[in-house]
Amino acid sequence: MRSLKAEQTEPTAWYGTRFRVRYQESDQMGVVYHANYVNWFEIGRTEMIRSLGFSYRSMEEQGVLLPVIGLDLKYKLPAKYDDYITVWTRINNFSSVRLHYEYEVRREDIAADKIQMDNKEVVWMTEELPGELLVTGSTQHVWVNADFKPVRLDKSVPNLYDALKRAVSIGRE
């Protein structure tokens, strides 16, 4: 069996997605329920893909799916109801068959009236992210077709593969 060499293993630039913690995401103490972070990771990677000009719907229409095959979370501090949160997402391993994401969930350290919620998406080029670190994590994914058989993205959807390659090179020029 031929082994596939990873094409990129250095982390990329961070893509941030901002929102306010909603009431239904917290318990009676106002603390975010732990499983919501998994949903927030999905929001982060979905918006990162969208910023590259694609959506999960368009990927599915082109015949590829990206299921989660691994998940890791580390809780540092709780997020609370009404906090402004940024979910930072970046690719930390990429090949034509696999895609691994890294996440940091951070609380914004600015007053609610100062934050611009109409600019939900930001790109961060340095390692030091703003805000208070709440949760770190990662997800591992594999490209498959509708029958859940592994596929090579560079052969199946070359324009998406090229967009991801460009995304992993941001900040390295």
Protein backbone atom coordinates (compact mmCIF):
# COMPACT_ATOMS: atom_id res chain seq x y z
CA MET A 1 0.00 0.00 0.00
CA ARG A 2 1.34 3.41 -0.97
CA SER A 3 1.71 5.86 1.89
CA LEU A 4 0.73 9.47 1.38
CA LYS A 5 3.18 12.07 2.54
CA ALA A 6 1.68 15.10 4.25
CA GLU A 7 2.00 18.14 2.03
CA GLN A 8 1.87 20.68 4.83
CA THR A 9 2.56 20.24 8.52
CA GLU A 10 3.30 23.77 9.77
CA PRO A 11 0.25 25.61 11.14
CA THR A 12 -1.32 28.29 8.98
CA ALA A 13 -2.69 31.74 9.75
CA TRP A 14 -5.60 31.84 12.20
CA TYR A 15 -9.15 32.58 10.95
CA GLY A 16 -11.41 34.08 13.61
CA THR A 17 -15.18 33.93 13.87
CA ARG A 18 -16.82 36.17 16.47
CA PHE A 19 -20.15 35.87 18.24
CA ARG A 20 -21.86 36.43 21.56
CA VAL A 21 -22.64 33.41 23.78
CA ARG A 22 -26.36 32.75 23.53
CA TYR A 23 -28.57 31.97 26.52
CA GLN A 24 -29.48 28.46 25.28
CA GLU A 25 -25.75 27.54 25.23
CA SER A 26 -25.38 28.01 28.97
CA ASP A 27 -26.66 26.32 32.10
CA GLN A 28 -28.45 27.92 35.06
CA MET A 29 -25.10 29.21 36.36
CA GLY A 30 -24.51 31.02 33.05
CA VAL A 31 -21.63 28.66 32.14
CA VAL A 32 -21.44 27.29 28.59
CA TYR A 33 -22.29 23.59 28.40
CA HIS A 34 -19.14 21.66 27.42
CA ALA A 35 -20.54 20.05 24.23
CA ASN A 36 -21.20 23.48 22.70
CA TYR A 37 -17.48 23.89 22.06
CA VAL A 38 -17.68 21.05 19.51
CA ASN A 39 -20.40 23.02 17.68
CA TRP A 40 -18.27 26.15 17.89
CA PHE A 41 -15.34 24.29 16.31
CA GLU A 42 -17.62 23.40 13.42
CA ILE A 43 -18.68 27.04 13.09
CA GLY A 44 -14.99 28.01 12.97
CA ARG A 45 -14.04 25.57 10.24
CA THR A 46 -17.23 26.21 8.25
CA GLU A 47 -16.56 29.95 8.21
CA MET A 48 -12.89 29.40 7.37
CA ILE A 49 -13.91 27.28 4.35
CA ARG A 50 -16.50 29.93 3.43
CA SER A 51 -13.80 32.63 3.52
CA LEU A 52 -11.96 30.59 0.87
CA GLY A 53 -14.99 30.80 -1.42
CA PHE A 54 -16.52 27.39 -0.68
CA SER A 55 -19.28 25.97 1.50
CA TYR A 56 -20.00 22.50 2.77
CA ARG A 57 -22.98 22.44 0.43
CA SER A 58 -20.82 23.24 -2.59
CA MET A 59 -18.30 20.58 -1.55
CA GLU A 60 -21.08 18.00 -1.26
CA GLU A 61 -22.43 19.04 -4.67
CA GLN A 62 -18.95 18.39 -6.08
CA GLY A 63 -18.98 14.89 -4.57
CA VAL A 64 -16.77 15.22 -1.47
CA LEU A 65 -17.53 15.04 2.24
CA LEU A 66 -15.26 15.87 5.17
CA PRO A 67 -16.24 13.76 8.20
CA VAL A 68 -14.59 14.17 11.58
CA ILE A 69 -12.43 11.14 12.43
CA GLY A 70 -10.86 12.56 15.60
CA LEU A 71 -11.54 15.25 18.20
CA ASP A 72 -9.55 16.64 21.12
CA LEU A 73 -10.59 19.37 23.61
CA LYS A 74 -8.83 20.94 26.57
CA TYR A 75 -10.85 23.18 28.88
CA LYS A 76 -8.96 26.02 30.58
CA LEU A 77 -11.69 28.46 31.67
CA PRO A 78 -15.45 28.55 31.13
CA ALA A 79 -17.17 30.80 28.64
CA LYS A 80 -20.27 32.44 30.08
CA TYR A 81 -23.59 33.72 28.85
CA ASP A 82 -23.29 37.03 26.97
CA ASP A 83 -19.49 36.84 26.59
CA TYR A 84 -18.06 37.89 23.25
CA ILE A 85 -16.17 34.89 21.91
CA THR A 86 -13.80 34.40 19.02
CA VAL A 87 -13.29 30.88 17.73
CA TRP A 88 -9.86 30.87 16.11
CA THR A 89 -9.33 28.15 13.51
CA ARG A 90 -6.34 27.13 11.44
CA ILE A 91 -5.14 24.18 9.42
CA ASN A 92 -2.27 22.40 11.14
CA ASN A 93 -1.90 19.43 8.77
CA PHE A 94 -2.98 19.13 5.17
CA SER A 95 -2.68 16.58 2.39
CA SER A 96 -4.78 15.54 -0.58
CA VAL A 97 -6.50 12.94 1.67
CA ARG A 98 -6.55 14.47 5.18
CA LEU A 99 -7.20 17.81 6.82
CA HIS A 100 -6.49 18.62 10.46
CA TYR A 101 -7.69 21.77 12.21
CA GLU A 102 -6.56 23.45 15.41
CA TYR A 103 -8.81 25.72 17.49
CA GLU A 104 -8.61 28.27 20.27
CA VAL A 105 -11.73 29.71 21.85
CA ARG A 106 -11.03 33.10 23.42
CA ARG A 107 -13.08 35.66 25.29
CA GLU A 108 -12.83 39.16 23.86
CA ASP A 109 -11.40 41.67 26.28
CA ILE A 110 -13.32 44.71 25.05
CA ALA A 111 -16.60 46.33 25.97
CA ALA A 112 -19.70 45.16 24.12
CA ASP A 113 -20.32 48.59 22.67
CA LYS A 114 -16.81 48.71 21.17
CA ILE A 115 -16.83 45.43 19.24
CA GLN A 116 -17.93 45.45 15.61
CA MET A 117 -20.11 42.40 15.20
CA ASP A 118 -20.66 43.12 11.51
CA ASN A 119 -17.01 42.12 10.98
CA LYS A 120 -17.31 38.60 12.36
CA GLU A 121 -14.42 37.14 10.41
CA VAL A 122 -10.78 38.09 10.85
CA VAL A 123 -7.42 36.63 9.84
CA TRP A 124 -4.57 36.71 12.37
CA MET A 125 -0.99 36.25 11.20
CA THR A 126 0.94 35.94 14.48
CA GLU A 127 1.06 33.15 17.04
CA GLU A 128 -0.14 35.33 19.93
CA LEU A 129 -3.91 35.61 19.68
CA PRO A 130 -5.93 38.34 21.42
CA GLY A 131 -8.27 37.66 24.31
CA GLU A 132 -8.42 35.26 27.22
CA LEU A 133 -7.83 31.61 26.34
CA LEU A 134 -10.78 29.39 27.31
CA VAL A 135 -10.51 26.18 25.29
CA THR A 136 -8.04 24.57 22.89
CA GLY A 137 -8.73 21.68 20.58
CA SER A 138 -8.25 19.94 17.30
CA THR A 139 -10.21 17.88 14.81
CA GLN A 140 -8.98 15.42 12.24
CA HIS A 141 -10.83 14.84 8.96
CA VAL A 142 -10.58 12.68 5.86
CA TRP A 143 -11.92 13.42 2.37
CA VAL A 144 -14.48 10.84 1.23
CA ASN A 145 -17.07 10.44 -1.52
CA ALA A 146 -20.82 9.91 -1.01
CA ASP A 147 -20.15 6.20 -0.34
CA PHE A 148 -17.65 7.17 2.41
CA LYS A 149 -14.72 5.84 0.38
CA PRO A 150 -11.52 7.90 0.72
CA VAL A 151 -10.74 10.22 -2.19
CA ARG A 152 -7.84 12.43 -3.17
CA LEU A 153 -9.02 16.02 -3.10
CA ASP A 154 -6.45 17.13 -5.68
CA LYS A 155 -8.05 14.72 -8.19
CA SER A 156 -11.72 15.05 -7.11
CA VAL A 157 -12.06 18.82 -6.55
CA PRO A 158 -8.82 20.47 -7.66
CA ASN A 159 -10.14 24.03 -7.23
CA LEU A 160 -10.88 23.37 -3.53
CA TYR A 161 -7.52 21.68 -3.12
CA ASP A 162 -5.80 24.73 -4.65
CA ALA A 163 -7.77 27.10 -2.38
CA LEU A 164 -6.68 25.13 0.69
CA LYS A 165 -3.08 25.16 -0.55
CA ARG A 166 -3.28 28.95 -0.89
CA ALA A 167 -4.78 29.19 2.63
CA VAL A 168 -1.93 27.23 4.17
CA SER A 169 0.60 29.52 2.52
CA ILE A 170 -0.91 32.79 3.88
CA GLY A 171 1.62 34.55 6.06
CA ARG A 172 4.58 32.58 4.69
CA GLU A 173 5.37 34.71 1.67
